[in-house]
Amino acid sequence: MTAPLDLDQLQSFCAIADCGSFTEAARRVNKTQSAVSMQIKRLEERLGHSLLARDGRSVTLTHHGEVLYERARKMLRTNAEILDQFNDGDLAGSIRFGVPDDYAVRLLPVILSSFQRTHPKIAVDVSCMASEQLLAGMRAGRYDLIVFTQGTEQNFGELFRNERMFWVSSHGGRALATEPLAIACGPQCCIWRKDAVEGLERANKDYRIAYTSSNATAISSAVLSDLAVGFLPESALQPGMRVIGDELGLPRLADAQIALMRASHAYGGIFDALANHIVQSMGNLDQGDLADAAE
C-alpha cells in the first residue's frame, strides 16, 4: 500500500509557492530554512518531479508544481475541516484581514460588528487599501484573509459576489454636464478605470481624468463635492449620489467581481468562521437595494 503524502511537507510547499521565497516560507511555517529545503527535496523525490524552479532569489512553480499546488491546497483545507469536526472548544485567536476601502464606509462596520457579537474571542485586525496592495500584502505574508475586487485571476480567489457597477454623480451637481466629461477614478492599474475608459472611447465620449486616487473614500468625496463623475460598485454607493441611467449615453460597465483569498494556512477554525460570515453577509445583499438607498 502506498503511504500517504506528508501534510507538513505540503504546507511548506504551499507557503513557498505563496511567497516565492524559502526564507519567508520558513518563517511562516516556523521552521529553519534548511528544514524546509529538506522537506521539499523529500517531496520532490517522492513524486519524482521537480516542483520549484529557482532563479537567484526568486522561486516559481514548475508545471508539476502548479498541478500539485491546487491539490495540496485542497488537502490542507480538508485536513482543517476534519480537525474542526472533532474540536469542541470555543473559537479564539486573531486574524489579519484586508479589505478594499470601497466597502469600508457602508458594509465593513456592519459585517464586523455582527461577527464580533457572535465570535467575541476572535480578534480581527483590519487593513483597508486598494486590491493591488492587498494582493501584494498577501504574497508578503501580511494577511490571513483578504477580500479583493479584481476577479479571480489570482490562485484561490474564491468568487462569491458579482455586483453591478454604476456611473454616479452628485445630486443636483453640474459635473455630469461638463465637456469633456470630468472623471474621478483610481490609478492606471485599476481594472475599473480601464473598463470605464475603454467604454467611453468606444462610445466616442470626450472625457478627462480630473481626479485620481487609490482611495475609494477620496473618489466618493470628489463625486459628492461635484468635482467629477465617478463609477462605483453597488455596495460602495452612498447617500447623496445620483445613479446615472443608461439613457444619458454613458457605457454599461462590467460587473465588479468580489472574491476572497486565503493564505495557505488559513483554513478551518477561526478563518472559516470569518470567511463564511463575510460571504453570507455580502451574499445576502439584494441587488438594487443599495443603489435605491443611495438615491
C-alpha atoms as a PDB file:
ATOM      1  CA  MET A   1       0.000   0.000   0.000  1.00  0.00           C
ATOM      2  CA  THR A   2       1.328   3.433  -0.950  1.00  0.00           C
ATOM      3  CA  ALA A   3       1.977   5.676   2.039  1.00  0.00           C
ATOM      4  CA  PRO A   4       0.063   8.984   2.063  1.00  0.00           C
ATOM      5  CA  LEU A   5       1.770  12.279   1.357  1.00  0.00           C
ATOM      6  CA  ASP A   6       3.134  14.265   4.286  1.00  0.00           C
ATOM      7  CA  LEU A   7       0.815  17.209   5.050  1.00  0.00           C
ATOM      8  CA  ASP A   8       3.640  19.067   6.767  1.00  0.00           C
ATOM      9  CA  GLN A   9       5.661  18.914   3.554  1.00  0.00           C
ATOM     10  CA  LEU A  10       2.657  20.115   1.565  1.00  0.00           C
ATOM     11  CA  GLN A  11       2.171  23.028   3.962  1.00  0.00           C
ATOM     12  CA  SER A  12       5.763  24.139   3.453  1.00  0.00           C
ATOM     13  CA  PHE A  13       5.470  23.689  -0.303  1.00  0.00           C
ATOM     14  CA  CYS A  14       2.339  25.869  -0.441  1.00  0.00           C
ATOM     15  CA  ALA A  15       3.978  28.525   1.724  1.00  0.00           C
ATOM     16  CA  ILE A  16       6.904  28.727  -0.728  1.00  0.00           C
ATOM     17  CA  ALA A  17       4.505  28.929  -3.669  1.00  0.00           C
ATOM     18  CA  ASP A  18       2.563  31.709  -1.972  1.00  0.00           C
ATOM     19  CA  CYS A  19       5.509  33.975  -1.248  1.00  0.00           C
ATOM     20  CA  GLY A  20       8.194  32.844  -3.735  1.00  0.00           C
ATOM     21  CA  SER A  21      10.862  32.546  -1.056  1.00  0.00           C
ATOM     22  CA  PHE A  22      12.309  29.715   1.046  1.00  0.00           C
ATOM     23  CA  THR A  23      13.330  32.208   3.734  1.00  0.00           C
ATOM     24  CA  GLU A  24       9.871  33.752   4.089  1.00  0.00           C
ATOM     25  CA  ALA A  25       8.190  30.341   3.870  1.00  0.00           C
ATOM     26  CA  ALA A  26      10.368  29.029   6.693  1.00  0.00           C
ATOM     27  CA  ARG A  27       9.272  31.947   8.854  1.00  0.00           C
ATOM     28  CA  ARG A  28       5.614  31.274   8.072  1.00  0.00           C
ATOM     29  CA  VAL A  29       5.750  27.582   8.968  1.00  0.00           C
ATOM     30  CA  ASN A  30       8.045  28.172  11.961  1.00  0.00           C
ATOM     31  CA  LYS A  31      10.937  26.057  10.670  1.00  0.00           C
ATOM     32  CA  THR A  32      14.530  26.670   9.706  1.00  0.00           C
ATOM     33  CA  GLN A  33      15.266  27.281   6.039  1.00  0.00           C
ATOM     34  CA  SER A  34      17.363  24.116   5.883  1.00  0.00           C
ATOM     35  CA  ALA A  35      14.475  22.080   7.311  1.00  0.00           C
ATOM     36  CA  VAL A  36      12.099  23.473   4.678  1.00  0.00           C
ATOM     37  CA  SER A  37      14.626  22.763   1.913  1.00  0.00           C
ATOM     38  CA  MET A  38      14.891  19.161   3.107  1.00  0.00           C
ATOM     39  CA  GLN A  39      11.104  18.827   3.130  1.00  0.00           C
ATOM     40  CA  ILE A  40      10.885  19.977  -0.486  1.00  0.00           C
ATOM     41  CA  LYS A  41      13.715  17.669  -1.513  1.00  0.00           C
ATOM     42  CA  ARG A  42      11.912  14.683   0.004  1.00  0.00           C
ATOM     43  CA  LEU A  43       8.599  15.723  -1.554  1.00  0.00           C
ATOM     44  CA  GLU A  44      10.193  16.016  -5.000  1.00  0.00           C
ATOM     45  CA  GLU A  45      11.895  12.632  -4.557  1.00  0.00           C
ATOM     46  CA  ARG A  46       8.598  11.094  -3.511  1.00  0.00           C
ATOM     47  CA  LEU A  47       6.728  12.452  -6.534  1.00  0.00           C
ATOM     48  CA  GLY A  48       9.601  12.006  -8.972  1.00  0.00           C
ATOM     49  CA  HIS A  49       9.404  15.532 -10.380  1.00  0.00           C
ATOM     50  CA  SER A  50      10.907  18.947  -9.787  1.00  0.00           C
ATOM     51  CA  LEU A  51       8.271  21.182  -8.204  1.00  0.00           C
ATOM     52  CA  LEU A  52      10.077  24.514  -7.831  1.00  0.00           C
ATOM     53  CA  ALA A  53      12.304  26.459 -10.209  1.00  0.00           C
ATOM     54  CA  ARG A  54      14.987  28.544  -8.524  1.00  0.00           C
ATOM     55  CA  ASP A  55      16.331  31.642 -10.289  1.00  0.00           C
ATOM     56  CA  GLY A  56      18.606  33.506  -7.929  1.00  0.00           C
ATOM     57  CA  ARG A  57      16.439  34.586  -5.005  1.00  0.00           C
ATOM     58  CA  SER A  58      13.205  34.032  -6.927  1.00  0.00           C
ATOM     59  CA  VAL A  59      11.298  30.751  -6.656  1.00  0.00           C
ATOM     60  CA  THR A  60       8.477  29.812  -9.033  1.00  0.00           C
ATOM     61  CA  LEU A  61       6.386  26.726  -9.638  1.00  0.00           C
ATOM     62  CA  THR A  62       7.233  24.275 -12.391  1.00  0.00           C
ATOM     63  CA  HIS A  63       4.412  22.689 -14.392  1.00  0.00           C
ATOM     64  CA  HIS A  64       4.294  19.770 -11.955  1.00  0.00           C
ATOM     65  CA  GLY A  65       4.429  22.233  -9.070  1.00  0.00           C
ATOM     66  CA  GLU A  66       1.348  24.047 -10.392  1.00  0.00           C
ATOM     67  CA  VAL A  67      -0.514  20.732 -10.651  1.00  0.00           C
ATOM     68  CA  LEU A  68       0.425  19.841  -7.074  1.00  0.00           C
ATOM     69  CA  TYR A  69      -0.332  23.301  -5.651  1.00  0.00           C
ATOM     70  CA  GLU A  70      -4.039  23.176  -6.430  1.00  0.00           C
ATOM     71  CA  ARG A  71      -4.421  19.682  -4.991  1.00  0.00           C
ATOM     72  CA  ALA A  72      -2.227  20.389  -1.965  1.00  0.00           C
ATOM     73  CA  ARG A  73      -4.445  23.335  -1.053  1.00  0.00           C
ATOM     74  CA  LYS A  74      -7.489  21.068  -1.186  1.00  0.00           C
ATOM     75  CA  MET A  75      -5.777  18.536   1.070  1.00  0.00           C
ATOM     76  CA  LEU A  76      -4.852  21.220   3.614  1.00  0.00           C
ATOM     77  CA  ARG A  77      -8.403  22.517   3.591  1.00  0.00           C
ATOM     78  CA  THR A  78      -9.866  19.020   4.055  1.00  0.00           C
ATOM     79  CA  ASN A  79      -7.452  18.377   6.914  1.00  0.00           C
ATOM     80  CA  ALA A  80      -8.582  21.585   8.646  1.00  0.00           C
ATOM     81  CA  GLU A  81     -12.250  20.653   8.177  1.00  0.00           C
ATOM     82  CA  ILE A  82     -11.674  17.217   9.743  1.00  0.00           C
ATOM     83  CA  LEU A  83      -9.920  18.739  12.751  1.00  0.00           C
ATOM     84  CA  ASP A  84     -12.797  21.193  13.181  1.00  0.00           C
ATOM     85  CA  GLN A  85     -15.264  18.317  13.346  1.00  0.00           C
ATOM     86  CA  PHE A  86     -13.552  16.983  16.465  1.00  0.00           C
ATOM     87  CA  ASN A  87     -12.766  20.309  18.129  1.00  0.00           C
ATOM     88  CA  ASP A  88     -15.264  21.092  20.880  1.00  0.00           C
ATOM     89  CA  GLY A  89     -13.513  24.205  22.177  1.00  0.00           C
ATOM     90  CA  ASP A  90     -14.568  27.819  21.605  1.00  0.00           C
ATOM     91  CA  LEU A  91     -13.045  29.537  18.609  1.00  0.00           C
ATOM     92  CA  ALA A  92     -10.403  32.026  19.706  1.00  0.00           C
ATOM     93  CA  GLY A  93      -7.427  33.777  18.156  1.00  0.00           C
ATOM     94  CA  SER A  94      -6.571  36.671  15.870  1.00  0.00           C
ATOM     95  CA  ILE A  95      -6.970  37.182  12.130  1.00  0.00           C
ATOM     96  CA  ARG A  96      -5.178  39.644   9.868  1.00  0.00           C
ATOM     97  CA  PHE A  97      -7.850  40.724   7.418  1.00  0.00           C
ATOM     98  CA  GLY A  98      -7.566  43.058   4.418  1.00  0.00           C
ATOM     99  CA  VAL A  99     -10.442  44.630   2.514  1.00  0.00           C
ATOM    100  CA  PRO A 100     -10.689  47.341  -0.173  1.00  0.00           C
ATOM    101  CA  ASP A 101     -11.853  50.640   1.239  1.00  0.00           C
ATOM    102  CA  ASP A 102     -14.691  50.586  -1.302  1.00  0.00           C
ATOM    103  CA  TYR A 103     -16.630  48.689   1.380  1.00  0.00           C
ATOM    104  CA  ALA A 104     -15.164  50.274   4.494  1.00  0.00           C
ATOM    105  CA  VAL A 105     -17.751  53.041   4.880  1.00  0.00           C
ATOM    106  CA  ARG A 106     -21.049  51.212   4.417  1.00  0.00           C
ATOM    107  CA  LEU A 107     -20.535  47.477   4.801  1.00  0.00           C
ATOM    108  CA  LEU A 108     -17.448  46.760   6.888  1.00  0.00           C
ATOM    109  CA  PRO A 109     -18.709  48.152  10.226  1.00  0.00           C
ATOM    110  CA  VAL A 110     -21.953  46.206   9.952  1.00  0.00           C
ATOM    111  CA  ILE A 111     -20.287  42.938   8.928  1.00  0.00           C
ATOM    112  CA  LEU A 112     -17.531  43.035  11.536  1.00  0.00           C
ATOM    113  CA  SER A 113     -19.713  44.244  14.403  1.00  0.00           C
ATOM    114  CA  SER A 114     -22.113  41.331  13.879  1.00  0.00           C
ATOM    115  CA  PHE A 115     -19.154  38.940  13.666  1.00  0.00           C
ATOM    116  CA  GLN A 116     -17.699  40.218  16.933  1.00  0.00           C
ATOM    117  CA  ARG A 117     -21.050  39.682  18.656  1.00  0.00           C
ATOM    118  CA  THR A 118     -21.159  36.034  17.612  1.00  0.00           C
ATOM    119  CA  HIS A 119     -17.396  35.396  17.986  1.00  0.00           C
ATOM    120  CA  PRO A 120     -16.183  37.565  20.883  1.00  0.00           C
ATOM    121  CA  LYS A 121     -12.938  35.600  21.320  1.00  0.00           C
ATOM    122  CA  ILE A 122     -11.730  36.217  17.776  1.00  0.00           C
ATOM    123  CA  ALA A 123      -9.823  39.469  17.266  1.00  0.00           C
ATOM    124  CA  VAL A 124      -9.870  40.810  13.693  1.00  0.00           C
ATOM    125  CA  ASP A 125      -7.088  43.218  12.732  1.00  0.00           C
ATOM    126  CA  VAL A 126      -8.324  45.108   9.664  1.00  0.00           C
ATOM    127  CA  SER A 127      -6.408  46.920   6.927  1.00  0.00           C
ATOM    128  CA  CYS A 128      -8.278  48.906   4.259  1.00  0.00           C
ATOM    129  CA  MET A 129      -6.489  49.621   0.982  1.00  0.00           C
ATOM    130  CA  ALA A 130      -6.636  49.007  -2.762  1.00  0.00           C
ATOM    131  CA  SER A 131      -6.935  45.469  -4.130  1.00  0.00           C
ATOM    132  CA  GLU A 132      -3.474  45.635  -5.743  1.00  0.00           C
ATOM    133  CA  GLN A 133      -1.908  46.473  -2.375  1.00  0.00           C
ATOM    134  CA  LEU A 134      -3.861  43.738  -0.626  1.00  0.00           C
ATOM    135  CA  LEU A 135      -2.719  41.127  -3.142  1.00  0.00           C
ATOM    136  CA  ALA A 136       0.893  42.253  -2.702  1.00  0.00           C
ATOM    137  CA  GLY A 137       0.438  42.119   1.069  1.00  0.00           C
ATOM    138  CA  MET A 138      -0.927  38.588   0.844  1.00  0.00           C
ATOM    139  CA  ARG A 139       2.171  37.474  -1.085  1.00  0.00           C
ATOM    140  CA  ALA A 140       4.342  39.155   1.550  1.00  0.00           C
ATOM    141  CA  GLY A 141       2.559  37.295   4.362  1.00  0.00           C
ATOM    142  CA  ARG A 142       0.870  40.314   5.949  1.00  0.00           C
ATOM    143  CA  TYR A 143      -2.670  38.885   5.780  1.00  0.00           C
ATOM    144  CA  ASP A 144      -4.512  35.678   6.551  1.00  0.00           C
ATOM    145  CA  LEU A 145      -7.622  36.602   4.550  1.00  0.00           C
ATOM    146  CA  ILE A 146      -8.400  39.351   2.080  1.00  0.00           C
ATOM    147  CA  VAL A 147     -11.396  40.440   0.062  1.00  0.00           C
ATOM    148  CA  PHE A 148     -10.426  41.838  -3.320  1.00  0.00           C
ATOM    149  CA  THR A 149     -12.380  43.194  -6.240  1.00  0.00           C
ATOM    150  CA  GLN A 150     -10.439  42.308  -9.350  1.00  0.00           C
ATOM    151  CA  GLY A 151     -11.976  38.981 -10.240  1.00  0.00           C
ATOM    152  CA  THR A 152     -10.384  35.612  -9.664  1.00  0.00           C
ATOM    153  CA  GLU A 153      -7.318  35.617 -11.899  1.00  0.00           C
ATOM    154  CA  GLN A 154      -5.225  35.011  -8.777  1.00  0.00           C
ATOM    155  CA  ASN A 155      -4.883  31.447  -7.486  1.00  0.00           C
ATOM    156  CA  PHE A 156      -7.516  30.566  -4.920  1.00  0.00           C
ATOM    157  CA  GLY A 157      -9.557  33.675  -5.240  1.00  0.00           C
ATOM    158  CA  GLU A 158     -12.991  32.395  -4.192  1.00  0.00           C
ATOM    159  CA  LEU A 159     -15.530  34.425  -6.179  1.00  0.00           C
ATOM    160  CA  PHE A 160     -18.628  34.973  -4.045  1.00  0.00           C
ATOM    161  CA  ARG A 161     -20.431  38.013  -5.452  1.00  0.00           C
ATOM    162  CA  ASN A 162     -20.959  39.727  -8.796  1.00  0.00           C
ATOM    163  CA  GLU A 163     -22.055  43.294  -8.330  1.00  0.00           C
ATOM    164  CA  ARG A 164     -23.388  45.914 -10.734  1.00  0.00           C
ATOM    165  CA  MET A 165     -21.111  48.890 -11.396  1.00  0.00           C
ATOM    166  CA  PHE A 166     -22.777  52.292 -11.640  1.00  0.00           C
ATOM    167  CA  TRP A 167     -21.844  55.671 -13.029  1.00  0.00           C
ATOM    168  CA  VAL A 168     -22.547  58.221 -10.283  1.00  0.00           C
ATOM    169  CA  SER A 169     -22.651  61.966  -9.826  1.00  0.00           C
ATOM    170  CA  SER A 170     -23.656  64.380  -7.111  1.00  0.00           C
ATOM    171  CA  HIS A 171     -27.369  65.068  -6.753  1.00  0.00           C
ATOM    172  CA  GLY A 172     -28.077  68.408  -8.381  1.00  0.00           C
ATOM    173  CA  GLY A 173     -24.449  68.829  -9.430  1.00  0.00           C
ATOM    174  CA  ARG A 174     -23.122  70.039 -12.760  1.00  0.00           C
ATOM    175  CA  ALA A 175     -20.166  67.675 -13.274  1.00  0.00           C
ATOM    176  CA  LEU A 176     -22.282  65.435 -15.498  1.00  0.00           C
ATOM    177  CA  ALA A 177     -22.767  68.322 -17.943  1.00  0.00           C
ATOM    178  CA  THR A 178     -19.066  69.192 -18.307  1.00  0.00           C
ATOM    179  CA  GLU A 179     -17.396  68.909 -21.719  1.00  0.00           C
ATOM    180  CA  PRO A 180     -15.228  66.937 -21.797  1.00  0.00           C
ATOM    181  CA  LEU A 181     -16.732  64.807 -19.029  1.00  0.00           C
ATOM    182  CA  ALA A 182     -14.710  65.129 -15.797  1.00  0.00           C
ATOM    183  CA  ILE A 183     -13.955  61.680 -14.329  1.00  0.00           C
ATOM    184  CA  ALA A 184     -12.830  60.674 -10.822  1.00  0.00           C
ATOM    185  CA  CYS A 185     -11.172  57.247 -10.745  1.00  0.00           C
ATOM    186  CA  GLY A 186      -8.377  55.052  -9.482  1.00  0.00           C
ATOM    187  CA  PRO A 187      -4.801  54.911 -10.828  1.00  0.00           C
ATOM    188  CA  GLN A 188      -3.921  53.391 -14.192  1.00  0.00           C
ATOM    189  CA  CYS A 189      -3.565  49.891 -12.713  1.00  0.00           C
ATOM    190  CA  CYS A 190      -7.238  49.965 -11.622  1.00  0.00           C
ATOM    191  CA  ILE A 191      -9.288  47.455 -13.631  1.00  0.00           C
ATOM    192  CA  TRP A 192     -12.451  49.565 -13.186  1.00  0.00           C
ATOM    193  CA  ARG A 193     -10.702  52.592 -14.691  1.00  0.00           C
ATOM    194  CA  LYS A 194      -9.526  50.523 -17.660  1.00  0.00           C
ATOM    195  CA  ASP A 195     -13.048  49.234 -18.304  1.00  0.00           C
ATOM    196  CA  ALA A 196     -14.623  52.710 -17.994  1.00  0.00           C
ATOM    197  CA  VAL A 197     -12.062  54.406 -20.242  1.00  0.00           C
ATOM    198  CA  GLU A 198     -12.360  51.731 -22.912  1.00  0.00           C
ATOM    199  CA  GLY A 199     -16.151  52.074 -22.807  1.00  0.00           C
ATOM    200  CA  LEU A 200     -16.025  55.853 -23.142  1.00  0.00           C
ATOM    201  CA  GLU A 201     -13.652  55.608 -26.096  1.00  0.00           C
ATOM    202  CA  ARG A 202     -15.855  53.040 -27.841  1.00  0.00           C
ATOM    203  CA  ALA A 203     -18.792  55.398 -27.357  1.00  0.00           C
ATOM    204  CA  ASN A 204     -16.733  58.349 -28.698  1.00  0.00           C
ATOM    205  CA  LYS A 205     -17.435  60.215 -25.452  1.00  0.00           C
ATOM    206  CA  ASP A 206     -14.988  63.023 -24.689  1.00  0.00           C
ATOM    207  CA  TYR A 207     -13.609  62.807 -21.155  1.00  0.00           C
ATOM    208  CA  ARG A 208     -10.730  63.891 -18.981  1.00  0.00           C
ATOM    209  CA  ILE A 209      -9.330  62.317 -15.831  1.00  0.00           C
ATOM    210  CA  ALA A 210      -9.963  65.143 -13.402  1.00  0.00           C
ATOM    211  CA  TYR A 211      -9.321  63.350 -10.100  1.00  0.00           C
ATOM    212  CA  THR A 212      -7.174  60.277  -9.428  1.00  0.00           C
ATOM    213  CA  SER A 213      -6.812  58.406  -6.155  1.00  0.00           C
ATOM    214  CA  SER A 214      -6.294  54.824  -4.986  1.00  0.00           C
ATOM    215  CA  ASN A 215      -8.553  55.658  -2.029  1.00  0.00           C
ATOM    216  CA  ALA A 216     -12.231  54.925  -2.679  1.00  0.00           C
ATOM    217  CA  THR A 217     -13.324  57.352   0.028  1.00  0.00           C
ATOM    218  CA  ALA A 218     -11.436  60.143  -1.734  1.00  0.00           C
ATOM    219  CA  ILE A 219     -13.103  59.295  -5.045  1.00  0.00           C
ATOM    220  CA  SER A 220     -16.522  59.285  -3.367  1.00  0.00           C
ATOM    221  CA  SER A 221     -15.754  62.678  -1.835  1.00  0.00           C
ATOM    222  CA  ALA A 222     -14.823  64.055  -5.258  1.00  0.00           C
ATOM    223  CA  VAL A 223     -18.152  62.851  -6.646  1.00  0.00           C
ATOM    224  CA  LEU A 224     -20.210  64.155  -3.715  1.00  0.00           C
ATOM    225  CA  SER A 225     -18.400  67.507  -3.960  1.00  0.00           C
ATOM    226  CA  ASP A 226     -19.381  67.712  -7.657  1.00  0.00           C
ATOM    227  CA  LEU A 227     -15.771  67.784  -8.812  1.00  0.00           C
ATOM    228  CA  ALA A 228     -16.307  64.892 -11.215  1.00  0.00           C
ATOM    229  CA  VAL A 229     -18.404  61.905 -12.226  1.00  0.00           C
ATOM    230  CA  GLY A 230     -17.297  58.521 -10.887  1.00  0.00           C
ATOM    231  CA  PHE A 231     -18.084  54.811 -11.079  1.00  0.00           C
ATOM    232  CA  LEU A 232     -18.575  52.538  -8.094  1.00  0.00           C
ATOM    233  CA  PRO A 233     -19.909  49.077  -7.273  1.00  0.00           C
ATOM    234  CA  GLU A 234     -23.364  48.893  -5.769  1.00  0.00           C
ATOM    235  CA  SER A 235     -22.224  48.289  -2.203  1.00  0.00           C
ATOM    236  CA  ALA A 236     -19.956  51.371  -2.297  1.00  0.00           C
ATOM    237  CA  LEU A 237     -22.746  53.812  -3.216  1.00  0.00           C
ATOM    238  CA  GLN A 238     -23.539  56.498  -0.659  1.00  0.00           C
ATOM    239  CA  PRO A 239     -26.495  58.767   0.112  1.00  0.00           C
ATOM    240  CA  GLY A 240     -26.231  61.971  -1.912  1.00  0.00           C
ATOM    241  CA  MET A 241     -25.039  60.161  -5.026  1.00  0.00           C
ATOM    242  CA  ARG A 242     -27.129  60.087  -8.169  1.00  0.00           C
ATOM    243  CA  VAL A 243     -27.030  56.821 -10.110  1.00  0.00           C
ATOM    244  CA  ILE A 244     -26.732  57.749 -13.785  1.00  0.00           C
ATOM    245  CA  GLY A 245     -29.059  55.789 -16.032  1.00  0.00           C
ATOM    246  CA  ASP A 246     -28.257  54.310 -19.432  1.00  0.00           C
ATOM    247  CA  GLU A 247     -30.348  56.974 -21.127  1.00  0.00           C
ATOM    248  CA  LEU A 248     -27.572  59.558 -20.706  1.00  0.00           C
ATOM    249  CA  GLY A 249     -25.267  57.723 -23.076  1.00  0.00           C
ATOM    250  CA  LEU A 250     -22.562  56.520 -20.717  1.00  0.00           C
ATOM    251  CA  PRO A 251     -21.357  52.985 -21.479  1.00  0.00           C
ATOM    252  CA  ARG A 252     -22.509  49.979 -19.473  1.00  0.00           C
ATOM    253  CA  LEU A 253     -19.713  48.870 -17.140  1.00  0.00           C
ATOM    254  CA  ALA A 254     -18.637  45.295 -16.447  1.00  0.00           C
ATOM    255  CA  ASP A 255     -19.779  43.872 -13.129  1.00  0.00           C
ATOM    256  CA  ALA A 256     -17.418  44.000 -10.170  1.00  0.00           C
ATOM    257  CA  GLN A 257     -16.263  40.537  -9.148  1.00  0.00           C
ATOM    258  CA  ILE A 258     -15.760  40.301  -5.404  1.00  0.00           C
ATOM    259  CA  ALA A 259     -13.607  37.425  -4.198  1.00  0.00           C
ATOM    260  CA  LEU A 260     -11.997  36.098  -1.050  1.00  0.00           C
ATOM    261  CA  MET A 261      -8.393  34.930  -0.894  1.00  0.00           C
ATOM    262  CA  ARG A 262      -6.765  32.908   1.875  1.00  0.00           C
ATOM    263  CA  ALA A 263      -3.188  32.290   2.875  1.00  0.00           C
ATOM    264  CA  SER A 264      -2.314  28.594   2.575  1.00  0.00           C
ATOM    265  CA  HIS A 265      -2.656  28.144   6.350  1.00  0.00           C
ATOM    266  CA  ALA A 266      -5.974  29.994   6.635  1.00  0.00           C
ATOM    267  CA  TYR A 267      -8.417  27.089   6.547  1.00  0.00           C
ATOM    268  CA  GLY A 268     -10.698  25.805   9.269  1.00  0.00           C
ATOM    269  CA  GLY A 269     -11.354  27.218  12.723  1.00  0.00           C
ATOM    270  CA  ILE A 270     -11.334  30.989  13.107  1.00  0.00           C
ATOM    271  CA  PHE A 271     -10.530  31.546   9.422  1.00  0.00           C
ATOM    272  CA  ASP A 272     -13.575  29.658   8.158  1.00  0.00           C
ATOM    273  CA  ALA A 273     -15.713  31.445  10.752  1.00  0.00           C
ATOM    274  CA  LEU A 274     -14.789  34.877   9.378  1.00  0.00           C
ATOM    275  CA  ALA A 275     -14.760  33.815   5.714  1.00  0.00           C
ATOM    276  CA  ASN A 276     -18.211  32.236   5.961  1.00  0.00           C
ATOM    277  CA  HIS A 277     -19.594  35.268   7.772  1.00  0.00           C
ATOM    278  CA  ILE A 278     -18.302  37.658   5.089  1.00  0.00           C
ATOM    279  CA  VAL A 279     -19.599  35.539   2.223  1.00  0.00           C
ATOM    280  CA  GLN A 280     -23.023  35.104   3.818  1.00  0.00           C
ATOM    281  CA  SER A 281     -23.343  38.762   4.845  1.00  0.00           C
ATOM    282  CA  MET A 282     -22.395  40.173   1.439  1.00  0.00           C
ATOM    283  CA  GLY A 283     -24.119  37.396  -0.457  1.00  0.00           C
ATOM    284  CA  ASN A 284     -27.423  38.229   1.219  1.00  0.00           C
ATOM    285  CA  LEU A 285     -27.405  41.807  -0.090  1.00  0.00           C
ATOM    286  CA  ASP A 286     -30.167  42.186  -2.637  1.00  0.00           C
ATOM    287  CA  GLN A 287     -29.128  43.670  -5.970  1.00  0.00           C
ATOM    288  CA  GLY A 288     -30.711  47.086  -6.291  1.00  0.00           C
ATOM    289  CA  ASP A 289     -31.341  47.723  -2.597  1.00  0.00           C
ATOM    290  CA  LEU A 290     -28.128  49.632  -2.040  1.00  0.00           C
ATOM    291  CA  ALA A 291     -28.492  51.561  -5.277  1.00  0.00           C
ATOM    292  CA  ASP A 292     -32.001  52.652  -4.243  1.00  0.00           C
ATOM    293  CA  ALA A 293     -30.703  53.696  -0.811  1.00  0.00           C
ATOM    294  CA  ALA A 294     -28.100  55.947  -2.414  1.00  0.00           C
ATOM    295  CA  GLU A 295     -30.667  57.966  -4.361  1.00  0.00           C
END
